Amino acid sequence: MRKTIFGILILLFVSCNQKSDTEFSLTGKTKGIENGTMIYLDNADSQNIDLIDSTTVENNTFVFKTNLSSSPLQVALWTDDEHYRFLWLENNKMTFDASKSNFENAKVTGSDTENLAQPLRKELENLTEKNQRIREIEFIKNHPNSILSAEILSTYSTTFGKKETKELFDLFSEQNKKSKYGKIIESYIELYAEPKIGGQFIDFEMIDLNGNQKKLSELKGKTILLDFWASWCAPCRKENPNLVKTYNKFKSKGFEIFAVSLDENKENWLKAIKNDHLYWYHVNDLKGNGNKASLIYGVEGIPDSFLIDQNGVIVARDLRGKELNEKLVELFE
């Protein structure tokens, strides 16, 4: 009987220890931050501030004990006084030590993903854009099971191209392929249609402002600007007044704009349309970087656009302002 009770106690002790090993916590040390300063954990994959948790700094220390929605999870750790650091959290006891360095270069323990990410971030800072992409491809090949590789490939798949993206994706573990990043990559491989200047536009269907399906091909016969944008995209919003002027100038001649938003938040999308007076066709599937049309057209960053003539031929890409106006004058002569 005593042996049975002793065995149960051992099992309980082991279970408790195992549970604590898989619970997330982040204990931090800082330098020169005032007592009471708020420090935040924000989901770095969200387009807008998506607060996970917050706490205060006291005597240059802070502690987070948060239930993570997934692990590993990429977050931004930041304060109101401009201290900032991207960070990969895992369901472990983690430490963050900026007592002997600046906040951005704090020493972090407890996350294998962050141990890979931080040296890579530093290395990429000193490389040209071309060499950054070469180094990232090398990293993905050497770490096909890391979620960091999936995040990188989902970000730069349109840069790497369909063929190389598929070759890299095929190296991934099944877990990586099924991650949220893996699903975006898989959709890109499936959907990217490699549109070319001088080739026909690629049709697609998406929900419009009124919740109805709208096809790009419904505007065939008009000169169409297929515009990719979002409410959170500062360059897009800055360009919108110019686009409004262009639309008003050429609409009577058969010019239309078919705007695809990469917003995930419907309210923000609708508010931006209203505030910027964008009275043309709008569609959105609310999938952000996984937007179907953006994957079909290989949109790497926004703003981006494709100008399609009355015959459905793509005649230009990424024209704005004066260049767009000049091209439209040419098309309507």
Protein backbone atom coordinates (compact mmCIF):
# COMPACT_ATOMS: atom_id res chain seq x y z
CA MET A 1 0.00 0.00 0.00
CA ARG A 2 2.84 2.38 0.96
CA LYS A 3 4.57 1.53 -2.34
CA THR A 4 1.38 2.38 -4.25
CA ILE A 5 0.97 5.72 -2.49
CA PHE A 6 4.67 6.49 -2.99
CA GLY A 7 4.32 5.65 -6.70
CA ILE A 8 1.31 7.98 -7.05
CA LEU A 9 3.23 10.78 -5.34
CA ILE A 10 6.17 10.29 -7.73
CA LEU A 11 3.80 10.43 -10.73
CA LEU A 12 2.17 13.60 -9.42
CA PHE A 13 5.58 15.17 -8.81
CA VAL A 14 6.74 14.32 -12.33
CA SER A 15 3.45 15.57 -13.85
CA CYS A 16 3.71 18.87 -12.04
CA ASN A 17 7.29 19.30 -13.16
CA GLN A 18 6.40 18.46 -16.76
CA LYS A 19 3.53 20.94 -16.70
CA SER A 20 5.74 23.77 -15.45
CA ASP A 21 8.30 23.02 -18.16
CA THR A 22 5.72 23.63 -20.86
CA GLU A 23 4.18 26.78 -19.41
CA PHE A 24 5.35 30.06 -20.92
CA SER A 25 6.93 32.81 -18.88
CA LEU A 26 9.25 35.65 -19.82
CA THR A 27 11.38 37.22 -17.11
CA GLY A 28 13.14 40.35 -18.22
CA LYS A 29 15.93 42.67 -17.12
CA THR A 30 16.25 46.14 -18.60
CA LYS A 31 18.48 49.18 -18.25
CA GLY A 32 17.47 52.80 -17.74
CA ILE A 33 13.70 52.28 -17.93
CA GLU A 34 11.62 54.20 -15.39
CA ASN A 35 9.51 52.40 -12.81
CA GLY A 36 5.90 51.98 -13.91
CA THR A 37 6.72 52.02 -17.62
CA MET A 38 4.28 49.82 -19.50
CA ILE A 39 5.75 47.03 -21.62
CA TYR A 40 3.66 45.18 -24.19
CA LEU A 41 3.54 41.87 -26.05
CA ASP A 42 2.00 42.36 -29.48
CA ASN A 43 1.29 39.70 -32.14
CA ALA A 44 3.87 40.53 -34.84
CA ASP A 45 1.90 38.71 -37.55
CA SER A 46 -1.09 41.01 -37.16
CA GLN A 47 -1.51 44.01 -39.49
CA ASN A 48 -2.69 46.19 -36.60
CA ILE A 49 -1.82 46.29 -32.92
CA ASP A 50 -2.97 42.93 -31.58
CA LEU A 51 -2.14 43.08 -27.89
CA ILE A 52 -1.42 39.74 -26.24
CA ASP A 53 -0.48 41.00 -22.79
CA SER A 54 1.08 43.92 -20.92
CA THR A 55 2.90 44.49 -17.64
CA THR A 56 4.97 47.20 -15.91
CA VAL A 57 8.69 47.59 -15.41
CA GLU A 58 9.76 47.83 -11.78
CA ASN A 59 13.41 48.22 -10.78
CA ASN A 60 14.33 47.40 -14.39
CA THR A 61 12.63 44.01 -14.28
CA PHE A 62 9.39 42.66 -15.71
CA VAL A 63 7.56 39.33 -15.90
CA PHE A 64 5.03 37.92 -18.35
CA LYS A 65 3.03 34.76 -17.63
CA THR A 66 0.75 34.48 -20.63
CA ASN A 67 -1.20 31.73 -22.36
CA LEU A 68 0.24 31.64 -25.88
CA SER A 69 -2.20 31.04 -28.73
CA SER A 70 0.48 28.96 -30.45
CA SER A 71 4.11 28.03 -29.98
CA PRO A 72 6.44 29.22 -31.42
CA LEU A 73 4.80 32.65 -31.73
CA GLN A 74 6.40 35.77 -33.22
CA VAL A 75 5.74 38.89 -31.17
CA ALA A 76 6.89 42.46 -30.80
CA LEU A 77 8.03 43.42 -27.30
CA TRP A 78 7.82 47.19 -26.88
CA THR A 79 7.37 50.18 -24.57
CA ASP A 80 5.82 53.60 -25.06
CA ASP A 81 9.28 55.20 -25.01
CA GLU A 82 10.35 53.48 -28.24
CA HIS A 83 12.14 50.40 -26.90
CA TYR A 84 11.36 47.63 -29.40
CA ARG A 85 12.31 44.05 -30.18
CA PHE A 86 10.89 41.29 -32.39
CA LEU A 87 10.95 38.00 -30.55
CA TRP A 88 9.96 34.35 -31.02
CA LEU A 89 8.22 33.00 -27.92
CA GLU A 90 7.93 29.32 -27.04
CA ASN A 91 6.11 27.48 -24.26
CA ASN A 92 9.14 27.53 -21.99
CA LYS A 93 10.56 29.57 -19.16
CA MET A 94 12.27 32.33 -21.10
CA THR A 95 14.57 35.16 -20.04
CA PHE A 96 15.23 38.53 -21.64
CA ASP A 97 18.37 40.33 -20.47
CA ALA A 98 19.01 43.88 -21.69
CA SER A 99 20.89 44.94 -18.55
CA LYS A 100 24.22 45.02 -20.42
CA SER A 101 23.02 45.92 -23.89
CA ASN A 102 20.37 47.98 -25.63
CA PHE A 103 16.82 46.63 -25.68
CA GLU A 104 16.99 45.42 -29.29
CA ASN A 105 20.09 43.32 -28.64
CA ALA A 106 18.98 41.72 -25.37
CA LYS A 107 20.21 38.21 -24.66
CA VAL A 108 17.30 35.77 -24.81
CA THR A 109 17.15 32.20 -23.51
CA GLY A 110 14.45 29.54 -23.62
CA SER A 111 13.48 29.71 -27.31
CA ASP A 112 15.25 27.63 -29.94
CA THR A 113 13.52 29.64 -32.67
CA GLU A 114 14.76 32.94 -31.26
CA ASN A 115 18.26 31.49 -30.94
CA LEU A 116 18.16 31.00 -34.72
CA ALA A 117 16.38 34.25 -35.52
CA GLN A 118 18.49 36.82 -33.70
CA PRO A 119 21.88 35.95 -35.27
CA LEU A 120 20.19 35.81 -38.69
CA ARG A 121 18.64 39.27 -38.18
CA LYS A 122 22.05 40.72 -37.35
CA GLU A 123 23.71 39.03 -40.29
CA LEU A 124 21.10 40.26 -42.77
CA GLU A 125 21.50 43.88 -41.61
CA ASN A 126 24.98 44.01 -43.16
CA LEU A 127 24.07 42.47 -46.52
CA THR A 128 22.73 43.92 -49.75
CA GLU A 129 19.14 43.03 -50.62
CA LYS A 130 20.32 40.47 -53.19
CA ASN A 131 22.68 38.81 -50.72
CA GLN A 132 19.98 38.86 -48.04
CA ARG A 133 17.77 36.71 -50.26
CA ILE A 134 20.69 34.34 -51.01
CA ARG A 135 21.40 33.97 -47.29
CA GLU A 136 17.72 33.39 -46.49
CA ILE A 137 17.50 30.62 -49.09
CA GLU A 138 20.59 29.03 -47.57
CA PHE A 139 19.04 29.28 -44.10
CA ILE A 140 15.80 27.63 -45.26
CA LYS A 141 17.74 24.74 -46.83
CA ASN A 142 19.71 24.23 -43.61
CA HIS A 143 16.68 24.52 -41.29
CA PRO A 144 13.67 23.06 -43.13
CA ASN A 145 11.95 22.07 -39.88
CA SER A 146 12.11 25.52 -38.27
CA ILE A 147 9.00 27.71 -38.23
CA LEU A 148 11.38 30.57 -38.95
CA SER A 149 12.07 29.08 -42.39
CA ALA A 150 8.34 28.89 -43.08
CA GLU A 151 7.88 32.52 -42.02
CA ILE A 152 10.73 33.67 -44.28
CA LEU A 153 9.50 31.68 -47.28
CA SER A 154 5.93 32.94 -46.88
CA THR A 155 7.25 36.51 -46.87
CA TYR A 156 9.53 36.19 -49.90
CA SER A 157 7.90 33.47 -52.02
CA THR A 158 7.00 35.98 -54.74
CA THR A 159 10.60 37.21 -54.74
CA PHE A 160 12.06 33.71 -54.97
CA GLY A 161 9.58 32.68 -57.66
CA LYS A 162 7.28 29.71 -57.97
CA LYS A 163 9.89 27.10 -58.96
CA GLU A 164 12.37 27.85 -56.17
CA THR A 165 9.60 28.34 -53.61
CA LYS A 166 8.22 24.88 -54.40
CA GLU A 167 11.68 23.31 -54.15
CA LEU A 168 12.19 24.87 -50.72
CA PHE A 169 8.65 24.07 -49.58
CA ASP A 170 9.16 20.41 -50.50
CA LEU A 171 12.00 20.26 -47.95
CA PHE A 172 9.68 21.22 -45.07
CA SER A 173 8.44 18.88 -42.39
CA GLU A 174 4.72 18.11 -42.46
CA GLN A 175 4.28 20.28 -39.37
CA ASN A 176 5.87 23.24 -41.16
CA LYS A 177 3.75 22.66 -44.26
CA LYS A 178 0.60 22.75 -42.13
CA SER A 179 1.57 25.91 -40.24
CA LYS A 180 -0.17 29.21 -41.04
CA TYR A 181 2.91 30.23 -43.02
CA GLY A 182 3.00 26.90 -44.83
CA LYS A 183 -0.62 27.31 -45.93
CA ILE A 184 0.15 30.70 -47.50
CA ILE A 185 3.14 29.23 -49.33
CA GLU A 186 1.09 26.28 -50.56
CA SER A 187 -1.61 28.63 -51.83
CA TYR A 188 0.99 30.73 -53.67
CA ILE A 189 2.42 27.63 -55.37
CA GLU A 190 -1.08 26.53 -56.36
CA LEU A 191 -2.41 29.92 -57.48
CA TYR A 192 0.45 31.99 -58.90
CA ALA A 193 -0.29 32.41 -62.60
CA GLU A 194 2.87 34.33 -63.59
CA PRO A 195 1.16 37.34 -65.24
CA LYS A 196 3.27 39.04 -67.89
CA ILE A 197 3.21 42.40 -69.63
CA GLY A 198 1.67 41.70 -73.02
CA GLY A 199 -0.25 38.66 -71.74
CA GLN A 200 -3.92 38.30 -70.91
CA PHE A 201 -5.18 39.18 -67.43
CA ILE A 202 -5.98 36.31 -65.06
CA ASP A 203 -9.56 36.26 -63.87
CA PHE A 204 -10.64 35.76 -60.26
CA GLU A 205 -13.75 36.17 -58.13
CA MET A 206 -13.99 37.78 -54.70
CA ILE A 207 -16.51 39.31 -52.28
CA ASP A 208 -17.30 43.00 -52.82
CA LEU A 209 -18.45 45.69 -50.37
CA ASN A 210 -22.01 44.37 -50.38
CA GLY A 211 -21.07 40.76 -49.78
CA ASN A 212 -21.61 39.74 -53.42
CA GLN A 213 -19.18 37.81 -55.61
CA LYS A 214 -17.52 40.07 -58.16
CA LYS A 215 -15.35 38.89 -61.08
CA LEU A 216 -12.61 40.96 -62.65
CA SER A 217 -13.81 39.74 -66.06
CA GLU A 218 -17.14 41.55 -65.54
CA LEU A 219 -15.26 44.76 -66.42
CA LYS A 220 -13.78 43.37 -69.62
CA GLY A 221 -14.08 45.87 -72.46
CA LYS A 222 -13.01 48.71 -70.19
CA THR A 223 -9.49 49.87 -69.37
CA ILE A 224 -8.92 48.53 -65.85
CA LEU A 225 -6.46 49.36 -63.12
CA LEU A 226 -6.19 46.26 -60.92
CA ASP A 227 -5.03 47.94 -57.72
CA PHE A 228 -3.62 46.14 -54.66
CA TRP A 229 -3.72 48.17 -51.45
CA ALA A 230 -4.74 48.18 -47.74
CA SER A 231 -5.93 50.66 -45.12
CA TRP A 232 -2.72 50.14 -43.09
CA CYS A 233 -0.44 50.80 -46.09
CA ALA A 234 0.85 54.38 -45.72
CA PRO A 235 2.14 54.72 -49.31
CA CYS A 236 -1.22 53.43 -50.59
CA ARG A 237 -3.16 56.00 -48.58
CA LYS A 238 -0.78 58.76 -49.66
CA GLU A 239 -1.35 57.88 -53.32
CA ASN A 240 -5.15 57.64 -53.05
CA PRO A 241 -5.87 61.37 -53.63
CA ASN A 242 -3.90 61.19 -56.90
CA LEU A 243 -5.79 58.06 -57.89
CA VAL A 244 -9.11 59.77 -57.21
CA LYS A 245 -8.12 62.60 -59.56
CA THR A 246 -7.05 60.11 -62.25
CA TYR A 247 -10.29 58.16 -61.91
CA ASN A 248 -12.45 61.26 -62.20
CA LYS A 249 -10.49 62.42 -65.24
CA PHE A 250 -10.69 59.18 -67.24
CA LYS A 251 -13.86 57.44 -65.98
CA SER A 252 -16.04 58.88 -68.76
CA LYS A 253 -13.65 57.41 -71.35
CA GLY A 254 -14.07 53.86 -70.05
CA PHE A 255 -11.55 53.69 -67.21
CA GLU A 256 -12.34 51.59 -64.12
CA ILE A 257 -10.48 50.63 -60.97
CA PHE A 258 -10.84 47.16 -59.45
CA ALA A 259 -9.28 47.48 -56.00
CA VAL A 260 -8.17 44.41 -54.04
CA SER A 261 -7.56 45.05 -50.35
CA LEU A 262 -5.12 43.05 -48.22
CA ASP A 263 -6.90 44.15 -45.05
CA GLU A 264 -7.84 41.48 -42.53
CA ASN A 265 -10.05 43.87 -40.58
CA LYS A 266 -13.25 44.63 -42.50
CA GLU A 267 -14.11 47.71 -40.44
CA ASN A 268 -10.73 49.32 -41.15
CA TRP A 269 -11.09 48.51 -44.86
CA LEU A 270 -14.56 50.10 -45.13
CA LYS A 271 -13.52 53.13 -43.10
CA ALA A 272 -10.52 53.82 -45.37
CA ILE A 273 -12.70 53.57 -48.49
CA LYS A 274 -15.11 56.12 -47.04
CA ASN A 275 -12.46 58.48 -45.69
CA ASP A 276 -10.42 58.47 -48.91
CA HIS A 277 -13.51 58.80 -51.16
CA LEU A 278 -12.68 55.74 -53.24
CA TYR A 279 -15.81 55.37 -55.36
CA TRP A 280 -14.88 52.40 -57.54
CA TYR A 281 -15.01 48.59 -57.34
CA HIS A 282 -13.66 47.02 -54.15
CA VAL A 283 -13.14 43.38 -53.18
CA ASN A 284 -11.48 41.57 -50.27
CA ASP A 285 -11.37 38.03 -48.87
CA LEU A 286 -10.02 39.30 -45.50
CA LYS A 287 -7.05 36.90 -45.64
CA GLY A 288 -4.33 39.54 -45.53
CA ASN A 289 -1.09 38.30 -47.08
CA GLY A 290 -2.94 35.13 -48.06
CA ASN A 291 -5.30 37.09 -50.31
CA LYS A 292 -6.18 34.92 -53.31
CA ALA A 293 -5.77 37.60 -55.96
CA SER A 294 -2.44 38.79 -54.58
CA LEU A 295 -1.14 35.21 -54.77
CA ILE A 296 -2.44 34.78 -58.34
CA TYR A 297 -0.66 37.96 -59.43
CA GLY A 298 2.46 37.45 -57.31
CA VAL A 299 2.14 40.67 -55.35
CA GLU A 300 5.24 41.08 -53.22
CA GLY A 301 4.43 44.39 -51.57
CA ILE A 302 1.81 47.11 -51.78
CA PRO A 303 0.93 49.40 -53.40
CA ASP A 304 1.06 47.38 -56.61
CA SER A 305 -1.12 47.45 -59.71
CA PHE A 306 -1.68 46.03 -63.19
CA LEU A 307 -3.06 48.17 -66.01
CA ILE A 308 -5.27 46.13 -68.36
CA ASP A 309 -6.44 47.46 -71.72
CA GLN A 310 -9.86 47.05 -73.38
CA ASN A 311 -8.77 43.74 -74.92
CA GLY A 312 -7.83 42.24 -71.57
CA VAL A 313 -4.07 42.59 -72.16
CA ILE A 314 -1.79 43.60 -69.28
CA VAL A 315 0.03 46.66 -70.63
CA ALA A 316 1.86 47.96 -67.55
CA ARG A 317 2.56 47.29 -63.89
CA ASP A 318 2.90 49.53 -60.84
CA LEU A 319 2.20 52.86 -62.56
CA ARG A 320 1.25 55.77 -60.33
CA GLY A 321 0.65 59.48 -60.56
CA LYS A 322 2.00 61.15 -63.70
CA GLU A 323 3.15 57.87 -65.29
CA LEU A 324 -0.33 56.35 -64.96
CA ASN A 325 -1.96 59.44 -66.43
CA GLU A 326 0.42 59.48 -69.39
CA LYS A 327 -0.23 55.83 -70.12
CA LEU A 328 -3.99 56.35 -69.98
CA VAL A 329 -3.75 59.28 -72.40
CA GLU A 330 -1.84 56.96 -74.73
CA LEU A 331 -4.45 54.19 -74.44
CA PHE A 332 -7.41 56.51 -75.02
CA GLU A 333 -5.96 58.35 -78.03
